[in-house]
């Protein structure tokens, strides 16, 4: 999944995603620790701006995210079209 996601980002000319752990809490910990579900944290914007009273992202970043996730799903599921 990580490789497929990174490839989708590269195919759209995006910056190489950083692969590694993070030092902050995220809801995905419940999936990982309690559900034993491998999980990837990925999204638009700057995480330092997350969960603030004035949290926002640019519409263009949201559209880019949708494209990346669509390409990732298609490639990961090996859908031919």
PDB file of N, CA and C in Angstrom:
ATOM      1  N   UNK A   1       0.824  -1.185   0.000  1.00  0.00           N
ATOM      2  CA  UNK A   1       0.000   0.000   0.000  1.00  0.00           C
ATOM      3  C   UNK A   1       0.874   1.256   0.000  1.00  0.00           C
ATOM      4  N   UNK A   2       1.908   1.264   0.834  1.00  0.00           N
ATOM      5  CA  UNK A   2       2.767   2.454   0.919  1.00  0.00           C
ATOM      6  C   UNK A   2       3.424   2.737  -0.423  1.00  0.00           C
ATOM      7  N   UNK A   3       3.945   1.693  -1.055  1.00  0.00           N
ATOM      8  CA  UNK A   3       4.585   1.872  -2.357  1.00  0.00           C
ATOM      9  C   UNK A   3       3.595   2.330  -3.424  1.00  0.00           C
ATOM     10  N   UNK A   4       2.398   1.785  -3.390  1.00  0.00           N
ATOM     11  CA  UNK A   4       1.362   2.167  -4.352  1.00  0.00           C
ATOM     12  C   UNK A   4       0.964   3.623  -4.146  1.00  0.00           C
ATOM     13  N   UNK A   5       0.807   4.024  -2.903  1.00  0.00           N
ATOM     14  CA  UNK A   5       0.452   5.404  -2.588  1.00  0.00           C
ATOM     15  C   UNK A   5       1.560   6.359  -3.022  1.00  0.00           C
ATOM     16  N   UNK A   6       2.802   6.029  -2.707  1.00  0.00           N
ATOM     17  CA  UNK A   6       3.936   6.880  -3.104  1.00  0.00           C
ATOM     18  C   UNK A   6       4.025   6.972  -4.624  1.00  0.00           C
ATOM     19  N   UNK A   7       3.769   5.864  -5.313  1.00  0.00           N
ATOM     20  CA  UNK A   7       3.787   5.879  -6.773  1.00  0.00           C
ATOM     21  C   UNK A   7       2.709   6.764  -7.352  1.00  0.00           C
ATOM     22  N   UNK A   8       1.546   6.773  -6.727  1.00  0.00           N
ATOM     23  CA  UNK A   8       0.459   7.651  -7.183  1.00  0.00           C
ATOM     24  C   UNK A   8       0.853   9.114  -7.030  1.00  0.00           C
ATOM     25  N   UNK A   9       1.494   9.442  -5.914  1.00  0.00           N
ATOM     26  CA  UNK A   9       1.956  10.822  -5.699  1.00  0.00           C
ATOM     27  C   UNK A   9       2.970  11.197  -6.778  1.00  0.00           C
ATOM     28  N   UNK A  10       3.933  10.308  -7.026  1.00  0.00           N
ATOM     29  CA  UNK A  10       4.962  10.579  -8.039  1.00  0.00           C
ATOM     30  C   UNK A  10       4.347  10.734  -9.427  1.00  0.00           C
ATOM     31  N   UNK A  11       3.353   9.911  -9.739  1.00  0.00           N
ATOM     32  CA  UNK A  11       2.759   9.962 -11.080  1.00  0.00           C
ATOM     33  C   UNK A  11       2.052  11.281 -11.358  1.00  0.00           C
ATOM     34  N   UNK A  12       1.658  11.982 -10.316  1.00  0.00           N
ATOM     35  CA  UNK A  12       1.016  13.291 -10.483  1.00  0.00           C
ATOM     36  C   UNK A  12       2.013  14.436 -10.299  1.00  0.00           C
ATOM     37  N   UNK A  13       3.292  14.098 -10.186  1.00  0.00           N
ATOM     38  CA  UNK A  13       4.325  15.129 -10.078  1.00  0.00           C
ATOM     39  C   UNK A  13       4.455  15.727  -8.694  1.00  0.00           C
ATOM     40  N   UNK A  14       3.946  15.028  -7.682  1.00  0.00           N
ATOM     41  CA  UNK A  14       4.013  15.546  -6.317  1.00  0.00           C
ATOM     42  C   UNK A  14       5.363  15.327  -5.671  1.00  0.00           C
ATOM     43  N   UNK A  15       5.549  15.957  -4.544  1.00  0.00           N
ATOM     44  CA  UNK A  15       6.751  15.797  -3.752  1.00  0.00           C
ATOM     45  C   UNK A  15       6.787  14.388  -3.179  1.00  0.00           C
ATOM     46  N   UNK A  16       7.957  13.794  -3.154  1.00  0.00           N
ATOM     47  CA  UNK A  16       8.105  12.442  -2.609  1.00  0.00           C
ATOM     48  C   UNK A  16       7.567  12.408  -1.175  1.00  0.00           C
ATOM     49  N   UNK A  17       6.604  11.518  -0.898  1.00  0.00           N
ATOM     50  CA  UNK A  17       6.064  11.467   0.467  1.00  0.00           C
ATOM     51  C   UNK A  17       7.101  10.940   1.456  1.00  0.00           C
ATOM     52  N   UNK A  18       7.046  11.446   2.666  1.00  0.00           N
ATOM     53  CA  UNK A  18       7.929  10.988   3.733  1.00  0.00           C
ATOM     54  C   UNK A  18       7.355   9.701   4.297  1.00  0.00           C
ATOM     55  N   UNK A  19       8.185   8.697   4.387  1.00  0.00           N
ATOM     56  CA  UNK A  19       7.752   7.413   4.940  1.00  0.00           C
ATOM     57  C   UNK A  19       8.450   7.224   6.275  1.00  0.00           C
ATOM     58  N   UNK A  20       7.663   7.052   7.333  1.00  0.00           N
ATOM     59  CA  UNK A  20       8.243   6.861   8.658  1.00  0.00           C
ATOM     60  C   UNK A  20       7.195   7.051   9.728  1.00  0.00           C
ATOM     61  N   UNK A  21       7.617   6.928  10.945  1.00  0.00           N
ATOM     62  CA  UNK A  21       6.719   7.114  12.070  1.00  0.00           C
ATOM     63  C   UNK A  21       6.551   8.575  12.426  1.00  0.00           C
ATOM     64  N   UNK A  22       5.559   8.846  13.233  1.00  0.00           N
ATOM     65  CA  UNK A  22       5.319  10.212  13.716  1.00  0.00           C
ATOM     66  C   UNK A  22       5.277  10.201  15.238  1.00  0.00           C
ATOM     67  N   UNK A  23       5.493  11.359  15.835  1.00  0.00           N
ATOM     68  CA  UNK A  23       5.571  11.453  17.287  1.00  0.00           C
ATOM     69  C   UNK A  23       4.289  11.992  17.922  1.00  0.00           C
ATOM     70  N   UNK A  24       3.276  12.162  17.129  1.00  0.00           N
ATOM     71  CA  UNK A  24       2.023  12.694  17.653  1.00  0.00           C
ATOM     72  C   UNK A  24       0.945  11.617  17.579  1.00  0.00           C
ATOM     73  N   UNK A  25      -0.122  11.818  18.322  1.00  0.00           N
ATOM     74  CA  UNK A  25      -1.215  10.866  18.337  1.00  0.00           C
ATOM     75  C   UNK A  25      -2.108  11.013  17.122  1.00  0.00           C
ATOM     76  N   UNK A  26      -2.686   9.916  16.709  1.00  0.00           N
ATOM     77  CA  UNK A  26      -3.640   9.925  15.602  1.00  0.00           C
ATOM     78  C   UNK A  26      -4.668   8.824  15.869  1.00  0.00           C
ATOM     79  N   UNK A  27      -5.875   9.029  15.383  1.00  0.00           N
ATOM     80  CA  UNK A  27      -6.934   8.038  15.599  1.00  0.00           C
ATOM     81  C   UNK A  27      -6.595   6.682  15.009  1.00  0.00           C
ATOM     82  N   UNK A  28      -5.689   6.649  14.051  1.00  0.00           N
ATOM     83  CA  UNK A  28      -5.320   5.375  13.450  1.00  0.00           C
ATOM     84  C   UNK A  28      -4.702   4.414  14.463  1.00  0.00           C
ATOM     85  N   UNK A  29      -4.280   4.936  15.601  1.00  0.00           N
ATOM     86  CA  UNK A  29      -3.704   4.062  16.635  1.00  0.00           C
ATOM     87  C   UNK A  29      -4.709   3.000  17.081  1.00  0.00           C
ATOM     88  N   UNK A  30      -5.994   3.340  17.034  1.00  0.00           N
ATOM     89  CA  UNK A  30      -7.025   2.377  17.418  1.00  0.00           C
ATOM     90  C   UNK A  30      -7.083   1.220  16.431  1.00  0.00           C
ATOM     91  N   UNK A  31      -7.001   1.528  15.151  1.00  0.00           N
ATOM     92  CA  UNK A  31      -6.991   0.474  14.139  1.00  0.00           C
ATOM     93  C   UNK A  31      -5.749  -0.406  14.284  1.00  0.00           C
ATOM     94  N   UNK A  32      -4.616   0.228  14.512  1.00  0.00           N
ATOM     95  CA  UNK A  32      -3.347  -0.502  14.603  1.00  0.00           C
ATOM     96  C   UNK A  32      -3.263  -1.302  15.899  1.00  0.00           C
ATOM     97  N   UNK A  33      -3.496  -0.658  17.022  1.00  0.00           N
ATOM     98  CA  UNK A  33      -3.269  -1.292  18.322  1.00  0.00           C
ATOM     99  C   UNK A  33      -4.383  -2.235  18.752  1.00  0.00           C
ATOM    100  N   UNK A  34      -5.614  -1.916  18.411  1.00  0.00           N
ATOM    101  CA  UNK A  34      -6.736  -2.738  18.872  1.00  0.00           C
ATOM    102  C   UNK A  34      -7.313  -3.634  17.774  1.00  0.00           C
ATOM    103  N   UNK A  35      -7.314  -3.145  16.558  1.00  0.00           N
ATOM    104  CA  UNK A  35      -7.870  -3.932  15.462  1.00  0.00           C
ATOM    105  C   UNK A  35      -6.823  -4.696  14.676  1.00  0.00           C
ATOM    106  N   UNK A  36      -5.542  -4.382  14.937  1.00  0.00           N
ATOM    107  CA  UNK A  36      -4.427  -5.026  14.239  1.00  0.00           C
ATOM    108  C   UNK A  36      -4.547  -4.857  12.725  1.00  0.00           C
ATOM    109  N   UNK A  37      -4.966  -3.654  12.316  1.00  0.00           N
ATOM    110  CA  UNK A  37      -5.135  -3.317  10.909  1.00  0.00           C
ATOM    111  C   UNK A  37      -3.959  -2.444  10.488  1.00  0.00           C
ATOM    112  N   UNK A  38      -3.147  -2.899   9.538  1.00  0.00           N
ATOM    113  CA  UNK A  38      -2.074  -2.039   9.029  1.00  0.00           C
ATOM    114  C   UNK A  38      -2.682  -0.746   8.488  1.00  0.00           C
ATOM    115  N   UNK A  39      -2.088   0.368   8.800  1.00  0.00           N
ATOM    116  CA  UNK A  39      -2.694   1.661   8.497  1.00  0.00           C
ATOM    117  C   UNK A  39      -1.647   2.639   7.975  1.00  0.00           C
ATOM    118  N   UNK A  40      -2.062   3.494   7.055  1.00  0.00           N
ATOM    119  CA  UNK A  40      -1.206   4.527   6.490  1.00  0.00           C
ATOM    120  C   UNK A  40      -1.836   5.878   6.807  1.00  0.00           C
ATOM    121  N   UNK A  41      -1.040   6.798   7.316  1.00  0.00           N
ATOM    122  CA  UNK A  41      -1.492   8.161   7.584  1.00  0.00           C
ATOM    123  C   UNK A  41      -1.024   9.037   6.426  1.00  0.00           C
ATOM    124  N   UNK A  42      -1.977   9.606   5.710  1.00  0.00           N
ATOM    125  CA  UNK A  42      -1.647  10.409   4.530  1.00  0.00           C
ATOM    126  C   UNK A  42      -2.742  11.430   4.324  1.00  0.00           C
ATOM    127  N   UNK A  43      -2.371  12.650   4.010  1.00  0.00           N
ATOM    128  CA  UNK A  43      -3.387  13.659   3.756  1.00  0.00           C
ATOM    129  C   UNK A  43      -2.797  14.976   3.312  1.00  0.00           C
ATOM    130  N   UNK A  44      -3.663  15.888   2.951  1.00  0.00           N
ATOM    131  CA  UNK A  44      -3.230  17.179   2.429  1.00  0.00           C
ATOM    132  C   UNK A  44      -2.855  18.151   3.540  1.00  0.00           C
ATOM    133  N   UNK A  45      -2.167  19.196   3.161  1.00  0.00           N
ATOM    134  CA  UNK A  45      -1.861  20.274   4.090  1.00  0.00           C
ATOM    135  C   UNK A  45      -0.679  19.977   4.990  1.00  0.00           C
ATOM    136  N   UNK A  46      -0.515  20.840   5.961  1.00  0.00           N
ATOM    137  CA  UNK A  46       0.585  20.769   6.914  1.00  0.00           C
ATOM    138  C   UNK A  46       0.031  20.291   8.254  1.00  0.00           C
ATOM    139  N   UNK A  47       0.555  19.190   8.766  1.00  0.00           N
ATOM    140  CA  UNK A  47       0.034  18.616  10.010  1.00  0.00           C
ATOM    141  C   UNK A  47       0.134  19.609  11.174  1.00  0.00           C
ATOM    142  N   UNK A  48       1.042  20.552  11.090  1.00  0.00           N
ATOM    143  CA  UNK A  48       1.169  21.550  12.169  1.00  0.00           C
ATOM    144  C   UNK A  48      -0.033  22.487  12.220  1.00  0.00           C
ATOM    145  N   UNK A  49      -0.814  22.483  11.160  1.00  0.00           N
ATOM    146  CA  UNK A  49      -2.026  23.313  11.114  1.00  0.00           C
ATOM    147  C   UNK A  49      -3.275  22.527  11.506  1.00  0.00           C
ATOM    148  N   UNK A  50      -3.128  21.241  11.754  1.00  0.00           N
ATOM    149  CA  UNK A  50      -4.287  20.380  12.031  1.00  0.00           C
ATOM    150  C   UNK A  50      -4.865  20.644  13.419  1.00  0.00           C
ATOM    151  N   UNK A  51      -6.162  20.467  13.525  1.00  0.00           N
ATOM    152  CA  UNK A  51      -6.891  20.531  14.795  1.00  0.00           C
ATOM    153  C   UNK A  51      -6.721  21.859  15.515  1.00  0.00           C
ATOM    154  N   UNK A  52      -6.709  22.924  14.755  1.00  0.00           N
ATOM    155  CA  UNK A  52      -6.648  24.279  15.305  1.00  0.00           C
ATOM    156  C   UNK A  52      -7.998  24.939  15.069  1.00  0.00           C
ATOM    157  N   UNK A  53      -8.313  25.968  15.811  1.00  0.00           N
ATOM    158  CA  UNK A  53      -9.605  26.645  15.605  1.00  0.00           C
ATOM    159  C   UNK A  53      -9.806  27.128  14.173  1.00  0.00           C
ATOM    160  N   UNK A  54      -8.716  27.507  13.502  1.00  0.00           N
ATOM    161  CA  UNK A  54      -8.830  28.013  12.129  1.00  0.00           C
ATOM    162  C   UNK A  54      -8.276  27.020  11.109  1.00  0.00           C
ATOM    163  N   UNK A  55      -8.375  25.734  11.423  1.00  0.00           N
ATOM    164  CA  UNK A  55      -7.865  24.686  10.536  1.00  0.00           C
ATOM    165  C   UNK A  55      -8.506  24.793   9.160  1.00  0.00           C
ATOM    166  N   UNK A  56      -7.673  24.685   8.132  1.00  0.00           N
ATOM    167  CA  UNK A  56      -8.192  24.718   6.768  1.00  0.00           C
ATOM    168  C   UNK A  56      -7.148  24.114   5.826  1.00  0.00           C
ATOM    169  N   UNK A  57      -7.607  23.742   4.644  1.00  0.00           N
ATOM    170  CA  UNK A  57      -6.704  23.346   3.570  1.00  0.00           C
ATOM    171  C   UNK A  57      -7.180  24.020   2.303  1.00  0.00           C
ATOM    172  N   UNK A  58      -6.288  24.142   1.354  1.00  0.00           N
ATOM    173  CA  UNK A  58      -6.658  24.733   0.071  1.00  0.00           C
ATOM    174  C   UNK A  58      -7.499  23.742  -0.721  1.00  0.00           C
ATOM    175  N   UNK A  59      -8.471  24.246  -1.460  1.00  0.00           N
ATOM    176  CA  UNK A  59      -9.327  23.388  -2.283  1.00  0.00           C
ATOM    177  C   UNK A  59      -8.486  22.593  -3.284  1.00  0.00           C
ATOM    178  N   UNK A  60      -7.459  23.217  -3.852  1.00  0.00           N
ATOM    179  CA  UNK A  60      -6.598  22.529  -4.815  1.00  0.00           C
ATOM    180  C   UNK A  60      -5.901  21.332  -4.171  1.00  0.00           C
ATOM    181  N   UNK A  61      -5.517  21.460  -2.895  1.00  0.00           N
ATOM    182  CA  UNK A  61      -4.879  20.342  -2.188  1.00  0.00           C
ATOM    183  C   UNK A  61      -5.870  19.197  -1.976  1.00  0.00           C
ATOM    184  N   UNK A  62      -7.115  19.524  -1.717  1.00  0.00           N
ATOM    185  CA  UNK A  62      -8.146  18.503  -1.536  1.00  0.00           C
ATOM    186  C   UNK A  62      -8.417  17.763  -2.849  1.00  0.00           C
ATOM    187  N   UNK A  63      -8.449  18.497  -3.950  1.00  0.00           N
ATOM    188  CA  UNK A  63      -8.643  17.881  -5.264  1.00  0.00           C
ATOM    189  C   UNK A  63      -7.461  16.968  -5.593  1.00  0.00           C
ATOM    190  N   UNK A  64      -6.246  17.433  -5.309  1.00  0.00           N
ATOM    191  CA  UNK A  64      -5.063  16.609  -5.548  1.00  0.00           C
ATOM    192  C   UNK A  64      -5.119  15.332  -4.705  1.00  0.00           C
ATOM    193  N   UNK A  65      -5.532  15.451  -3.453  1.00  0.00           N
ATOM    194  CA  UNK A  65      -5.667  14.279  -2.592  1.00  0.00           C
ATOM    195  C   UNK A  65      -6.662  13.285  -3.191  1.00  0.00           C
ATOM    196  N   UNK A  66      -7.790  13.765  -3.670  1.00  0.00           N
ATOM    197  CA  UNK A  66      -8.795  12.883  -4.272  1.00  0.00           C
ATOM    198  C   UNK A  66      -8.208  12.141  -5.468  1.00  0.00           C
ATOM    199  N   UNK A  67      -7.431  12.825  -6.279  1.00  0.00           N
ATOM    200  CA  UNK A  67      -6.795  12.178  -7.440  1.00  0.00           C
ATOM    201  C   UNK A  67      -5.799  11.107  -6.983  1.00  0.00           C
ATOM    202  N   UNK A  68      -4.988  11.450  -6.001  1.00  0.00           N
ATOM    203  CA  UNK A  68      -3.995  10.503  -5.484  1.00  0.00           C
ATOM    204  C   UNK A  68      -4.681   9.267  -4.925  1.00  0.00           C
ATOM    205  N   UNK A  69      -5.731   9.446  -4.138  1.00  0.00           N
ATOM    206  CA  UNK A  69      -6.426   8.302  -3.547  1.00  0.00           C
ATOM    207  C   UNK A  69      -7.123   7.454  -4.616  1.00  0.00           C
ATOM    208  N   UNK A  70      -7.666   8.091  -5.641  1.00  0.00           N
ATOM    209  CA  UNK A  70      -8.307   7.338  -6.723  1.00  0.00           C
ATOM    210  C   UNK A  70      -7.276   6.490  -7.465  1.00  0.00           C
ATOM    211  N   UNK A  71      -6.138   7.077  -7.811  1.00  0.00           N
ATOM    212  CA  UNK A  71      -5.080   6.327  -8.494  1.00  0.00           C
ATOM    213  C   UNK A  71      -4.576   5.198  -7.608  1.00  0.00           C
ATOM    214  N   UNK A  72      -4.406   5.470  -6.330  1.00  0.00           N
ATOM    215  CA  UNK A  72      -3.940   4.442  -5.395  1.00  0.00           C
ATOM    216  C   UNK A  72      -4.919   3.272  -5.351  1.00  0.00           C
ATOM    217  N   UNK A  73      -6.203   3.555  -5.225  1.00  0.00           N
ATOM    218  CA  UNK A  73      -7.210   2.493  -5.151  1.00  0.00           C
ATOM    219  C   UNK A  73      -7.232   1.664  -6.427  1.00  0.00           C
ATOM    220  N   UNK A  74      -7.190   2.337  -7.571  1.00  0.00           N
ATOM    221  CA  UNK A  74      -7.209   1.628  -8.855  1.00  0.00           C
ATOM    222  C   UNK A  74      -5.988   0.722  -8.981  1.00  0.00           C
ATOM    223  N   UNK A  75      -4.825   1.252  -8.666  1.00  0.00           N
ATOM    224  CA  UNK A  75      -3.604   0.454  -8.788  1.00  0.00           C
ATOM    225  C   UNK A  75      -3.546  -0.652  -7.744  1.00  0.00           C
ATOM    226  N   UNK A  76      -3.939  -0.358  -6.533  1.00  0.00           N
ATOM    227  CA  UNK A  76      -3.857  -1.347  -5.467  1.00  0.00           C
ATOM    228  C   UNK A  76      -4.806  -2.517  -5.737  1.00  0.00           C
ATOM    229  N   UNK A  77      -5.973  -2.204  -6.259  1.00  0.00           N
ATOM    230  CA  UNK A  77      -6.959  -3.245  -6.564  1.00  0.00           C
ATOM    231  C   UNK A  77      -6.751  -3.844  -7.952  1.00  0.00           C
ATOM    232  N   UNK A  78      -5.762  -3.345  -8.669  1.00  0.00           N
ATOM    233  CA  UNK A  78      -5.425  -3.825 -10.016  1.00  0.00           C
ATOM    234  C   UNK A  78      -6.613  -3.773 -10.962  1.00  0.00           C
ATOM    235  N   UNK A  79      -7.306  -2.651 -10.911  1.00  0.00           N
ATOM    236  CA  UNK A  79      -8.450  -2.446 -11.808  1.00  0.00           C
ATOM    237  C   UNK A  79      -7.911  -1.997 -13.158  1.00  0.00           C
ATOM    238  N   UNK A  80      -8.337  -2.648 -14.202  1.00  0.00           N
ATOM    239  CA  UNK A  80      -7.919  -2.288 -15.559  1.00  0.00           C
ATOM    240  C   UNK A  80      -9.042  -1.524 -16.229  1.00  0.00           C
ATOM    241  N   UNK A  81      -8.682  -0.471 -16.945  1.00  0.00           N
ATOM    242  CA  UNK A  81      -9.734   0.293 -17.590  1.00  0.00           C
ATOM    243  C   UNK A  81      -9.346   0.835 -18.918  1.00  0.00           C
TER     244      UNK A  81
END
